[in-house]
Amino acid sequence: IRAVPVVSVSKASSLLREGEEFSVMCLVKDVSSSVDSMWIKENSQ
């Protein structure tokens, strides 16, 4: 069973405008889950 990464958004309480930047923090508790979180960092650039 793989652990699900805990994702927290800095502006979770407000809607984001189109094109507005936001930061995502991933707390990975499983090594195999770190692979899934890599695409988030690459797509955000």
PDB file of N, CA and C in Angstrom:
ATOM      1  N   ILE A   1       0.857  -1.196   0.000  1.00  0.00           N
ATOM      2  CA  ILE A   1       0.000   0.000   0.000  1.00  0.00           C
ATOM      3  C   ILE A   1       0.890   1.241   0.000  1.00  0.00           C
ATOM      4  N   ARG A   2       0.646   2.112  -0.968  1.00  0.00           N
ATOM      5  CA  ARG A   2       1.458   3.319  -1.075  1.00  0.00           C
ATOM      6  C   ARG A   2       0.826   4.457  -0.301  1.00  0.00           C
ATOM      7  N   ALA A   3       1.685   5.247   0.343  1.00  0.00           N
ATOM      8  CA  ALA A   3       1.193   6.385   1.116  1.00  0.00           C
ATOM      9  C   ALA A   3       0.861   7.540   0.179  1.00  0.00           C
ATOM     10  N   VAL A   4      -0.215   8.246   0.486  1.00  0.00           N
ATOM     11  CA  VAL A   4      -0.610   9.395  -0.327  1.00  0.00           C
ATOM     12  C   VAL A   4       0.074  10.651   0.199  1.00  0.00           C
ATOM     13  N   PRO A   5       0.769  11.386  -0.675  1.00  0.00           N
ATOM     14  CA  PRO A   5       1.450  12.609  -0.233  1.00  0.00           C
ATOM     15  C   PRO A   5       0.463  13.644   0.290  1.00  0.00           C
ATOM     16  N   VAL A   6       0.853  14.340   1.347  1.00  0.00           N
ATOM     17  CA  VAL A   6       0.007  15.390   1.899  1.00  0.00           C
ATOM     18  C   VAL A   6       0.318  16.693   1.168  1.00  0.00           C
ATOM     19  N   VAL A   7      -0.675  17.213   0.456  1.00  0.00           N
ATOM     20  CA  VAL A   7      -0.460  18.413  -0.348  1.00  0.00           C
ATOM     21  C   VAL A   7      -1.178  19.597   0.288  1.00  0.00           C
ATOM     22  N   SER A   8      -0.458  20.686   0.475  1.00  0.00           N
ATOM     23  CA  SER A   8      -1.068  21.889   1.031  1.00  0.00           C
ATOM     24  C   SER A   8      -0.847  23.063   0.089  1.00  0.00           C
ATOM     25  N   VAL A   9      -1.912  23.810  -0.175  1.00  0.00           N
ATOM     26  CA  VAL A   9      -1.822  24.956  -1.078  1.00  0.00           C
ATOM     27  C   VAL A   9      -1.829  26.239  -0.255  1.00  0.00           C
ATOM     28  N   SER A  10      -0.970  27.181  -0.625  1.00  0.00           N
ATOM     29  CA  SER A  10      -0.830  28.399   0.173  1.00  0.00           C
ATOM     30  C   SER A  10      -2.094  29.255   0.140  1.00  0.00           C
ATOM     31  N   LYS A  11      -2.863  29.156  -0.961  1.00  0.00           N
ATOM     32  CA  LYS A  11      -4.075  29.962  -1.090  1.00  0.00           C
ATOM     33  C   LYS A  11      -5.302  29.061  -1.210  1.00  0.00           C
ATOM     34  N   ALA A  12      -5.398  28.098  -0.314  1.00  0.00           N
ATOM     35  CA  ALA A  12      -6.488  27.134  -0.399  1.00  0.00           C
ATOM     36  C   ALA A  12      -7.845  27.783  -0.130  1.00  0.00           C
ATOM     37  N   SER A  13      -7.851  28.865   0.641  1.00  0.00           N
ATOM     38  CA  SER A  13      -9.114  29.480   1.039  1.00  0.00           C
ATOM     39  C   SER A  13      -9.647  30.455  -0.009  1.00  0.00           C
ATOM     40  N   SER A  14      -8.842  30.740  -1.035  1.00  0.00           N
ATOM     41  CA  SER A  14      -9.282  31.694  -2.053  1.00  0.00           C
ATOM     42  C   SER A  14      -9.132  31.105  -3.440  1.00  0.00           C
ATOM     43  N   LEU A  15     -10.006  31.513  -4.353  1.00  0.00           N
ATOM     44  CA  LEU A  15      -9.922  31.029  -5.722  1.00  0.00           C
ATOM     45  C   LEU A  15      -8.791  31.741  -6.450  1.00  0.00           C
ATOM     46  N   LEU A  16      -8.082  30.979  -7.268  1.00  0.00           N
ATOM     47  CA  LEU A  16      -6.956  31.559  -7.996  1.00  0.00           C
ATOM     48  C   LEU A  16      -7.423  32.093  -9.348  1.00  0.00           C
ATOM     49  N   ARG A  17      -6.921  33.258  -9.713  1.00  0.00           N
ATOM     50  CA  ARG A  17      -7.199  33.774 -11.051  1.00  0.00           C
ATOM     51  C   ARG A  17      -6.375  32.994 -12.065  1.00  0.00           C
ATOM     52  N   GLU A  18      -6.818  33.003 -13.302  1.00  0.00           N
ATOM     53  CA  GLU A  18      -6.105  32.263 -14.339  1.00  0.00           C
ATOM     54  C   GLU A  18      -4.710  32.849 -14.535  1.00  0.00           C
ATOM     55  N   GLY A  19      -3.690  32.010 -14.427  1.00  0.00           N
ATOM     56  CA  GLY A  19      -2.315  32.463 -14.596  1.00  0.00           C
ATOM     57  C   GLY A  19      -1.666  32.940 -13.313  1.00  0.00           C
ATOM     58  N   GLU A  20      -2.436  32.981 -12.227  1.00  0.00           N
ATOM     59  CA  GLU A  20      -1.849  33.425 -10.954  1.00  0.00           C
ATOM     60  C   GLU A  20      -0.960  32.324 -10.375  1.00  0.00           C
ATOM     61  N   GLU A  21       0.187  32.713  -9.898  1.00  0.00           N
ATOM     62  CA  GLU A  21       1.123  31.733  -9.365  1.00  0.00           C
ATOM     63  C   GLU A  21       0.742  31.344  -7.936  1.00  0.00           C
ATOM     64  N   PHE A  22       1.002  30.095  -7.608  1.00  0.00           N
ATOM     65  CA  PHE A  22       0.784  29.647  -6.239  1.00  0.00           C
ATOM     66  C   PHE A  22       1.792  28.548  -5.920  1.00  0.00           C
ATOM     67  N   SER A  23       2.070  28.387  -4.654  1.00  0.00           N
ATOM     68  CA  SER A  23       3.070  27.402  -4.246  1.00  0.00           C
ATOM     69  C   SER A  23       2.395  26.157  -3.677  1.00  0.00           C
ATOM     70  N   VAL A  24       2.982  25.019  -3.968  1.00  0.00           N
ATOM     71  CA  VAL A  24       2.438  23.762  -3.470  1.00  0.00           C
ATOM     72  C   VAL A  24       3.517  23.046  -2.670  1.00  0.00           C
ATOM     73  N   MET A  25       3.168  22.665  -1.450  1.00  0.00           N
ATOM     74  CA  MET A  25       4.116  21.945  -0.607  1.00  0.00           C
ATOM     75  C   MET A  25       3.687  20.490  -0.483  1.00  0.00           C
ATOM     76  N   CYS A  26       4.604  19.583  -0.780  1.00  0.00           N
ATOM     77  CA  CYS A  26       4.284  18.160  -0.692  1.00  0.00           C
ATOM     78  C   CYS A  26       5.109  17.514   0.413  1.00  0.00           C
ATOM     79  N   LEU A  27       4.430  16.894   1.352  1.00  0.00           N
ATOM     80  CA  LEU A  27       5.125  16.152   2.401  1.00  0.00           C
ATOM     81  C   LEU A  27       5.045  14.670   2.045  1.00  0.00           C
ATOM     82  N   VAL A  28       6.139  14.146   1.542  1.00  0.00           N
ATOM     83  CA  VAL A  28       6.135  12.765   1.078  1.00  0.00           C
ATOM     84  C   VAL A  28       6.524  11.825   2.221  1.00  0.00           C
ATOM     85  N   LYS A  29       5.651  10.875   2.494  1.00  0.00           N
ATOM     86  CA  LYS A  29       5.920   9.921   3.565  1.00  0.00           C
ATOM     87  C   LYS A  29       6.417   8.592   3.005  1.00  0.00           C
ATOM     88  N   ASP A  30       6.454   8.486   1.675  1.00  0.00           N
ATOM     89  CA  ASP A  30       6.838   7.234   1.046  1.00  0.00           C
ATOM     90  C   ASP A  30       7.786   7.543  -0.102  1.00  0.00           C
ATOM     91  N   VAL A  31       8.827   6.746  -0.249  1.00  0.00           N
ATOM     92  CA  VAL A  31       9.815   6.999  -1.297  1.00  0.00           C
ATOM     93  C   VAL A  31       9.183   6.861  -2.677  1.00  0.00           C
ATOM     94  N   SER A  32       8.307   5.881  -2.855  1.00  0.00           N
ATOM     95  CA  SER A  32       7.680   5.667  -4.154  1.00  0.00           C
ATOM     96  C   SER A  32       6.728   6.802  -4.509  1.00  0.00           C
ATOM     97  N   SER A  33       6.194   7.476  -3.494  1.00  0.00           N
ATOM     98  CA  SER A  33       5.279   8.583  -3.745  1.00  0.00           C
ATOM     99  C   SER A  33       6.021   9.822  -4.220  1.00  0.00           C
ATOM    100  N   SER A  34       7.327   9.889  -3.960  1.00  0.00           N
ATOM    101  CA  SER A  34       8.102  11.057  -4.363  1.00  0.00           C
ATOM    102  C   SER A  34       8.173  11.171  -5.879  1.00  0.00           C
ATOM    103  N   VAL A  35       8.065  10.055  -6.570  1.00  0.00           N
ATOM    104  CA  VAL A  35       8.092  10.068  -8.031  1.00  0.00           C
ATOM    105  C   VAL A  35       6.847  10.763  -8.565  1.00  0.00           C
ATOM    106  N   ASP A  36       5.694  10.531  -7.929  1.00  0.00           N
ATOM    107  CA  ASP A  36       4.450  11.149  -8.370  1.00  0.00           C
ATOM    108  C   ASP A  36       4.453  12.651  -8.125  1.00  0.00           C
ATOM    109  N   SER A  37       5.164  13.105  -7.102  1.00  0.00           N
ATOM    110  CA  SER A  37       5.173  14.525  -6.770  1.00  0.00           C
ATOM    111  C   SER A  37       6.156  15.316  -7.632  1.00  0.00           C
ATOM    112  N   MET A  38       7.044  14.623  -8.332  1.00  0.00           N
ATOM    113  CA  MET A  38       8.043  15.305  -9.157  1.00  0.00           C
ATOM    114  C   MET A  38       7.398  16.065 -10.306  1.00  0.00           C
ATOM    115  N   TRP A  39       6.341  15.523 -10.909  1.00  0.00           N
ATOM    116  CA  TRP A  39       5.713  16.179 -12.067  1.00  0.00           C
ATOM    117  C   TRP A  39       5.062  17.491 -11.664  1.00  0.00           C
ATOM    118  N   ILE A  40       4.677  17.622 -10.401  1.00  0.00           N
ATOM    119  CA  ILE A  40       4.071  18.873  -9.937  1.00  0.00           C
ATOM    120  C   ILE A  40       5.102  19.997  -9.975  1.00  0.00           C
ATOM    121  N   LYS A  41       6.323  19.698  -9.547  1.00  0.00           N
ATOM    122  CA  LYS A  41       7.371  20.714  -9.528  1.00  0.00           C
ATOM    123  C   LYS A  41       7.783  21.096 -10.950  1.00  0.00           C
ATOM    124  N   GLU A  42       7.846  20.115 -11.859  1.00  0.00           N
ATOM    125  CA  GLU A  42       8.303  20.385 -13.217  1.00  0.00           C
ATOM    126  C   GLU A  42       7.250  21.141 -14.014  1.00  0.00           C
ATOM    127  N   ASN A  43       5.977  20.825 -13.813  1.00  0.00           N
ATOM    128  CA  ASN A  43       4.916  21.501 -14.553  1.00  0.00           C
ATOM    129  C   ASN A  43       4.679  22.920 -14.057  1.00  0.00           C
ATOM    130  N   SER A  44       5.091  23.205 -12.829  1.00  0.00           N
ATOM    131  CA  SER A  44       4.856  24.532 -12.266  1.00  0.00           C
ATOM    132  C   SER A  44       5.845  25.558 -12.803  1.00  0.00           C
ATOM    133  N   GLN A  45       6.920  25.093 -13.403  1.00  0.00           N
ATOM    134  CA  GLN A  45       7.929  26.023 -13.920  1.00  0.00           C
ATOM    135  C   GLN A  45       7.530  26.587 -15.273  1.00  0.00           C
TER     136      GLN A  45
END
